[in-house]
């Protein structure tokens, strides 16, 4: 962005010194500024306010203690099936072994005993 010095036009008008923007640069800078301000406005998560407030307390009490068992896990705590229908899992396909050829190529007819 070049600086234009103060000058006088041919009709006598005095033009003060100023910076001249390239063609379209003012529009581009406006778009970039609006996008940056939108990103700051929508992306602001109140980080400073979150640091000043007290940490959230969880609604549960950890570690979980079962009162009837005296601190140990109850006897019936083993996992149980929750589905009453059979679940079919994909099984890998078994491929049939292909026989390995006993002939090596190219065939050498001279070893076969033919008179070609």
N, C-alpha and C. Protein backbone atom coordinates (compact mmCIF):
# COMPACT_ATOMS: atom_id res chain seq x y z
N UNK A 1 0.85 -1.15 0.00
CA UNK A 1 0.00 0.00 0.00
C UNK A 1 0.92 1.24 0.00
N UNK A 2 1.07 1.85 -1.13
CA UNK A 2 2.01 2.98 -1.23
C UNK A 2 1.42 4.26 -0.63
N UNK A 3 2.33 5.13 -0.17
CA UNK A 3 1.92 6.42 0.38
C UNK A 3 2.06 7.46 -0.73
N UNK A 4 0.99 8.20 -0.97
CA UNK A 4 1.00 9.25 -1.99
C UNK A 4 1.24 10.59 -1.28
N UNK A 5 2.27 11.31 -1.71
CA UNK A 5 2.63 12.60 -1.11
C UNK A 5 1.57 13.65 -1.46
N UNK A 6 1.58 14.73 -0.71
CA UNK A 6 0.70 15.86 -0.98
C UNK A 6 1.07 16.46 -2.34
N UNK A 7 0.03 16.77 -3.14
CA UNK A 7 0.28 17.36 -4.45
C UNK A 7 -0.87 18.28 -4.84
N UNK A 8 -0.67 19.05 -5.94
CA UNK A 8 -1.67 19.98 -6.43
C UNK A 8 -2.08 19.53 -7.82
N UNK A 9 -3.40 19.41 -8.04
CA UNK A 9 -3.91 19.03 -9.35
C UNK A 9 -3.77 20.20 -10.31
N UNK A 10 -3.98 19.92 -11.59
CA UNK A 10 -3.85 20.97 -12.61
C UNK A 10 -4.92 22.05 -12.48
N UNK A 11 -6.03 21.75 -11.85
CA UNK A 11 -7.08 22.76 -11.67
C UNK A 11 -6.91 23.55 -10.38
N UNK A 12 -5.84 23.29 -9.62
CA UNK A 12 -5.54 24.04 -8.42
C UNK A 12 -5.99 23.36 -7.13
N UNK A 13 -6.62 22.20 -7.21
CA UNK A 13 -7.08 21.48 -6.03
C UNK A 13 -5.88 20.85 -5.32
N UNK A 14 -5.80 21.10 -4.01
CA UNK A 14 -4.70 20.54 -3.21
C UNK A 14 -5.16 19.19 -2.67
N UNK A 15 -4.36 18.16 -2.92
CA UNK A 15 -4.65 16.81 -2.43
C UNK A 15 -3.66 16.51 -1.32
N UNK A 16 -4.20 16.22 -0.15
CA UNK A 16 -3.32 15.91 0.98
C UNK A 16 -2.70 14.52 0.80
N UNK A 17 -1.64 14.21 1.53
CA UNK A 17 -0.97 12.91 1.46
C UNK A 17 -1.87 11.80 1.99
N UNK A 18 -1.82 10.65 1.36
CA UNK A 18 -2.69 9.54 1.75
C UNK A 18 -2.08 8.22 1.27
N UNK A 19 -2.62 7.15 1.85
CA UNK A 19 -2.24 5.81 1.40
C UNK A 19 -3.23 5.37 0.32
N UNK A 20 -2.76 4.71 -0.70
CA UNK A 20 -3.63 4.24 -1.77
C UNK A 20 -3.70 2.72 -1.73
N UNK A 21 -4.92 2.22 -1.66
CA UNK A 21 -5.16 0.79 -1.67
C UNK A 21 -5.16 0.29 -3.11
N UNK A 22 -4.75 -0.97 -3.30
CA UNK A 22 -4.84 -1.58 -4.62
C UNK A 22 -6.30 -1.82 -4.95
N UNK A 23 -6.62 -1.98 -6.23
CA UNK A 23 -8.00 -2.18 -6.63
C UNK A 23 -8.53 -3.49 -6.05
N UNK A 24 -9.65 -3.44 -5.35
CA UNK A 24 -10.27 -4.61 -4.74
C UNK A 24 -9.71 -4.97 -3.38
N UNK A 25 -8.63 -4.33 -2.95
CA UNK A 25 -8.01 -4.68 -1.67
C UNK A 25 -8.88 -4.27 -0.49
N UNK A 26 -9.57 -3.15 -0.60
CA UNK A 26 -10.43 -2.70 0.50
C UNK A 26 -11.58 -3.69 0.73
N UNK A 27 -12.17 -4.19 -0.35
CA UNK A 27 -13.26 -5.16 -0.26
C UNK A 27 -12.75 -6.47 0.35
N UNK A 28 -11.58 -6.94 -0.11
CA UNK A 28 -11.01 -8.18 0.43
C UNK A 28 -10.68 -8.04 1.91
N UNK A 29 -10.13 -6.89 2.28
CA UNK A 29 -9.78 -6.68 3.69
C UNK A 29 -11.04 -6.63 4.55
N UNK A 30 -12.12 -6.06 4.01
CA UNK A 30 -13.38 -6.02 4.75
C UNK A 30 -13.91 -7.43 4.96
N UNK A 31 -13.86 -8.27 3.93
CA UNK A 31 -14.34 -9.65 4.05
C UNK A 31 -13.51 -10.42 5.07
N UNK A 32 -12.20 -10.29 5.01
CA UNK A 32 -11.32 -10.99 5.94
C UNK A 32 -11.60 -10.53 7.38
N UNK A 33 -11.81 -9.23 7.56
CA UNK A 33 -12.08 -8.70 8.89
C UNK A 33 -13.41 -9.23 9.44
N UNK A 34 -14.44 -9.27 8.60
CA UNK A 34 -15.74 -9.77 9.04
C UNK A 34 -15.65 -11.25 9.42
N UNK A 35 -14.93 -12.05 8.62
CA UNK A 35 -14.77 -13.47 8.92
C UNK A 35 -13.99 -13.66 10.22
N UNK A 36 -12.95 -12.87 10.43
CA UNK A 36 -12.16 -12.99 11.66
C UNK A 36 -12.99 -12.60 12.88
N UNK A 37 -13.77 -11.53 12.77
CA UNK A 37 -14.62 -11.13 13.89
C UNK A 37 -15.69 -12.17 14.18
N UNK A 38 -16.25 -12.77 13.13
CA UNK A 38 -17.26 -13.82 13.33
C UNK A 38 -16.64 -15.03 14.01
N UNK A 39 -15.42 -15.39 13.62
CA UNK A 39 -14.74 -16.54 14.23
C UNK A 39 -14.47 -16.28 15.71
N UNK A 40 -14.08 -15.05 16.03
CA UNK A 40 -13.82 -14.72 17.43
C UNK A 40 -15.12 -14.70 18.22
N UNK A 41 -16.18 -14.13 17.62
CA UNK A 41 -17.45 -14.02 18.34
C UNK A 41 -18.09 -15.39 18.57
N UNK A 42 -18.11 -16.25 17.55
CA UNK A 42 -18.75 -17.55 17.69
C UNK A 42 -17.84 -18.58 18.36
N UNK A 43 -16.55 -18.38 18.30
CA UNK A 43 -15.62 -19.35 18.87
C UNK A 43 -15.25 -19.05 20.30
N UNK A 44 -15.69 -17.92 20.83
CA UNK A 44 -15.34 -17.56 22.20
C UNK A 44 -16.11 -18.44 23.17
N UNK A 45 -15.38 -19.13 24.04
CA UNK A 45 -16.04 -20.05 24.96
C UNK A 45 -16.03 -19.55 26.40
N UNK A 46 -15.64 -18.31 26.61
CA UNK A 46 -15.63 -17.79 27.98
C UNK A 46 -14.58 -18.45 28.82
N UNK A 47 -13.40 -18.67 28.32
CA UNK A 47 -12.34 -19.36 29.04
C UNK A 47 -11.97 -18.67 30.33
N UNK A 48 -11.96 -17.34 30.35
CA UNK A 48 -11.61 -16.59 31.55
C UNK A 48 -12.67 -16.79 32.63
N UNK A 49 -13.93 -16.78 32.24
CA UNK A 49 -15.00 -16.96 33.22
C UNK A 49 -14.99 -18.38 33.78
N UNK A 50 -14.62 -19.35 32.95
CA UNK A 50 -14.59 -20.74 33.41
C UNK A 50 -13.48 -20.96 34.43
N UNK A 51 -12.38 -20.20 34.32
CA UNK A 51 -11.29 -20.36 35.26
C UNK A 51 -11.64 -19.77 36.62
N UNK A 52 -12.47 -18.71 36.63
CA UNK A 52 -12.81 -18.06 37.88
C UNK A 52 -13.89 -18.80 38.66
N UNK A 53 -14.72 -19.57 37.99
CA UNK A 53 -15.82 -20.25 38.67
C UNK A 53 -15.34 -21.52 39.34
N UNK A 54 -16.18 -22.03 40.24
CA UNK A 54 -15.84 -23.27 40.95
C UNK A 54 -15.99 -24.46 40.01
N UNK A 55 -15.21 -25.51 40.21
CA UNK A 55 -15.37 -26.69 39.35
C UNK A 55 -16.72 -27.34 39.59
N UNK A 56 -17.26 -27.97 38.58
CA UNK A 56 -18.56 -28.63 38.70
C UNK A 56 -18.44 -29.88 39.56
N UNK A 57 -19.46 -30.11 40.35
CA UNK A 57 -19.49 -31.31 41.17
C UNK A 57 -20.35 -32.34 40.45
N UNK A 58 -19.88 -33.57 40.45
CA UNK A 58 -20.64 -34.61 39.78
C UNK A 58 -21.82 -35.02 40.66
N UNK A 59 -22.92 -35.43 40.03
CA UNK A 59 -24.11 -35.79 40.82
C UNK A 59 -23.95 -37.11 41.55
N UNK A 60 -23.00 -37.93 41.18
CA UNK A 60 -22.84 -39.25 41.80
C UNK A 60 -21.76 -39.25 42.86
N UNK A 61 -21.73 -40.30 43.64
CA UNK A 61 -20.70 -40.48 44.65
C UNK A 61 -19.76 -41.56 44.16
N UNK A 62 -18.48 -41.25 44.04
CA UNK A 62 -17.51 -42.22 43.55
C UNK A 62 -16.49 -42.49 44.62
N UNK A 63 -15.98 -43.67 44.80
CA UNK A 63 -16.32 -44.91 44.14
C UNK A 63 -17.67 -45.42 44.61
N UNK A 64 -18.33 -46.17 43.78
CA UNK A 64 -19.65 -46.70 44.09
C UNK A 64 -19.51 -47.81 45.12
N UNK A 65 -20.26 -47.72 46.20
CA UNK A 65 -20.22 -48.70 47.27
C UNK A 65 -21.63 -49.22 47.45
N UNK A 66 -21.79 -50.54 47.44
CA UNK A 66 -23.10 -51.16 47.66
C UNK A 66 -23.27 -51.37 49.15
N UNK A 67 -24.30 -50.78 49.72
CA UNK A 67 -24.46 -50.79 51.17
C UNK A 67 -24.75 -52.18 51.73
N UNK A 68 -25.50 -53.02 51.00
CA UNK A 68 -25.85 -54.33 51.54
C UNK A 68 -24.69 -55.31 51.52
N UNK A 69 -23.63 -55.03 50.76
CA UNK A 69 -22.53 -55.99 50.67
C UNK A 69 -21.35 -55.58 51.52
N UNK A 70 -21.39 -54.43 52.13
CA UNK A 70 -20.29 -54.03 53.00
C UNK A 70 -19.07 -53.55 52.23
N UNK A 71 -19.23 -52.99 51.06
CA UNK A 71 -18.10 -52.43 50.34
C UNK A 71 -17.59 -53.27 49.20
N UNK A 72 -17.97 -54.55 49.14
CA UNK A 72 -17.52 -55.39 48.03
C UNK A 72 -18.64 -55.50 47.01
N UNK A 73 -18.30 -55.91 45.84
CA UNK A 73 -19.30 -56.03 44.77
C UNK A 73 -20.29 -57.13 45.11
N UNK A 74 -21.56 -56.95 44.80
CA UNK A 74 -22.54 -57.99 45.12
C UNK A 74 -22.29 -59.25 44.30
N UNK A 75 -22.79 -60.35 44.82
CA UNK A 75 -22.53 -61.65 44.20
C UNK A 75 -23.15 -61.78 42.82
N UNK A 76 -24.27 -61.17 42.60
CA UNK A 76 -24.95 -61.29 41.31
C UNK A 76 -24.51 -60.23 40.30
N UNK A 77 -23.31 -59.73 40.41
CA UNK A 77 -22.85 -58.65 39.54
C UNK A 77 -22.24 -59.15 38.24
N UNK A 78 -22.31 -60.45 37.98
CA UNK A 78 -21.75 -60.96 36.73
C UNK A 78 -22.58 -60.43 35.56
N UNK A 79 -21.95 -60.22 34.44
CA UNK A 79 -22.72 -59.74 33.29
C UNK A 79 -23.71 -60.80 32.82
N UNK A 80 -24.89 -60.35 32.43
CA UNK A 80 -25.92 -61.26 31.96
C UNK A 80 -26.26 -60.92 30.52
N UNK A 81 -26.79 -61.91 29.83
CA UNK A 81 -27.21 -61.67 28.47
C UNK A 81 -28.42 -60.76 28.48
N UNK A 82 -28.41 -59.77 27.60
CA UNK A 82 -29.54 -58.85 27.54
C UNK A 82 -30.32 -59.02 26.25
N UNK A 83 -29.92 -59.95 25.41
CA UNK A 83 -30.57 -60.16 24.13
C UNK A 83 -31.17 -61.56 24.12
N UNK A 84 -32.42 -61.67 23.68
CA UNK A 84 -33.07 -62.97 23.68
C UNK A 84 -33.01 -63.66 22.32
N UNK A 85 -32.50 -63.01 21.32
CA UNK A 85 -32.41 -63.61 20.00
C UNK A 85 -30.95 -63.92 19.68
N UNK A 86 -30.70 -64.91 18.83
CA UNK A 86 -29.31 -65.25 18.53
C UNK A 86 -28.66 -64.18 17.65
N UNK A 87 -27.41 -63.90 17.91
CA UNK A 87 -26.66 -62.95 17.12
C UNK A 87 -25.75 -63.75 16.20
N UNK A 88 -25.88 -63.52 14.90
CA UNK A 88 -25.04 -64.23 13.93
C UNK A 88 -23.87 -63.33 13.56
N UNK A 89 -22.69 -63.86 13.75
CA UNK A 89 -21.49 -63.13 13.40
C UNK A 89 -20.98 -63.65 12.06
N UNK A 90 -20.40 -62.75 11.28
CA UNK A 90 -19.82 -63.16 10.00
C UNK A 90 -18.64 -64.08 10.27
N UNK A 91 -18.62 -65.18 9.57
CA UNK A 91 -17.50 -66.11 9.70
C UNK A 91 -16.62 -65.95 8.47
N UNK A 92 -15.33 -66.05 8.64
CA UNK A 92 -14.46 -65.90 7.48
C UNK A 92 -14.67 -67.05 6.51
N UNK A 93 -14.67 -66.73 5.23
CA UNK A 93 -14.86 -67.77 4.21
C UNK A 93 -13.60 -68.60 4.10
N UNK A 94 -13.81 -69.90 4.00
CA UNK A 94 -12.66 -70.77 3.80
C UNK A 94 -12.48 -70.98 2.31
N UNK A 95 -11.29 -70.86 1.86
CA UNK A 95 -11.01 -71.03 0.44
C UNK A 95 -10.53 -72.45 0.20
N UNK A 96 -10.95 -73.00 -0.90
CA UNK A 96 -10.55 -74.35 -1.28
C UNK A 96 -9.13 -74.27 -1.83
N UNK A 97 -8.29 -75.16 -1.35
CA UNK A 97 -6.92 -75.16 -1.84
C UNK A 97 -6.89 -75.56 -3.30
N UNK A 98 -6.20 -74.78 -4.06
CA UNK A 98 -6.06 -75.10 -5.47
C UNK A 98 -4.90 -76.08 -5.63
N UNK A 99 -5.06 -77.02 -6.52
CA UNK A 99 -3.93 -77.94 -6.72
C UNK A 99 -2.76 -77.20 -7.36
N UNK A 100 -1.60 -77.55 -6.92
CA UNK A 100 -0.41 -76.91 -7.49
C UNK A 100 -0.02 -77.65 -8.76
N UNK A 101 0.25 -76.92 -9.82
CA UNK A 101 0.61 -77.58 -11.08
C UNK A 101 1.96 -78.28 -10.96
N UNK A 102 2.05 -79.43 -11.60
CA UNK A 102 3.32 -80.19 -11.58
C UNK A 102 4.15 -79.88 -12.81
N UNK A 103 3.57 -79.15 -13.75
CA UNK A 103 4.28 -78.81 -14.98
C UNK A 103 4.83 -77.41 -14.82
N UNK A 104 6.10 -77.26 -15.16
CA UNK A 104 6.70 -75.93 -15.14
C UNK A 104 6.72 -75.40 -16.57
N UNK A 105 6.40 -74.17 -16.71
CA UNK A 105 6.34 -73.55 -18.04
C UNK A 105 7.57 -72.74 -18.27
N UNK A 106 8.01 -72.59 -19.48
CA UNK A 106 7.56 -73.20 -20.74
C UNK A 106 7.92 -74.68 -20.79
N UNK A 107 7.08 -75.42 -21.46
CA UNK A 107 7.26 -76.86 -21.57
C UNK A 107 8.40 -77.14 -22.54
N UNK A 108 9.29 -77.97 -22.08
CA UNK A 108 10.41 -78.39 -22.93
C UNK A 108 10.02 -79.73 -23.55
N UNK A 109 9.62 -79.72 -24.85
CA UNK A 109 9.15 -80.92 -25.52
C UNK A 109 10.25 -81.94 -25.75
N UNK A 110 11.49 -81.49 -25.73
CA UNK A 110 12.58 -82.44 -25.96
C UNK A 110 12.71 -83.45 -24.82
N UNK A 111 12.29 -83.06 -23.62
CA UNK A 111 12.39 -83.98 -22.49
C UNK A 111 11.23 -84.96 -22.46
N UNK A 112 10.15 -84.73 -23.24
CA UNK A 112 9.00 -85.60 -23.24
C UNK A 112 9.18 -86.78 -24.19
N UNK A 113 10.16 -86.73 -25.01
CA UNK A 113 10.42 -87.85 -25.89
C UNK A 113 9.70 -87.76 -27.23
N UNK A 114 9.08 -86.67 -27.51
CA UNK A 114 8.42 -86.55 -28.82
C UNK A 114 9.41 -85.99 -29.82
N UNK A 115 9.17 -86.27 -31.05
CA UNK A 115 10.10 -85.86 -32.08
C UNK A 115 9.73 -84.57 -32.77
N UNK A 116 9.23 -83.68 -32.14
CA UNK A 116 8.86 -82.40 -32.78
C UNK A 116 10.01 -81.61 -33.18
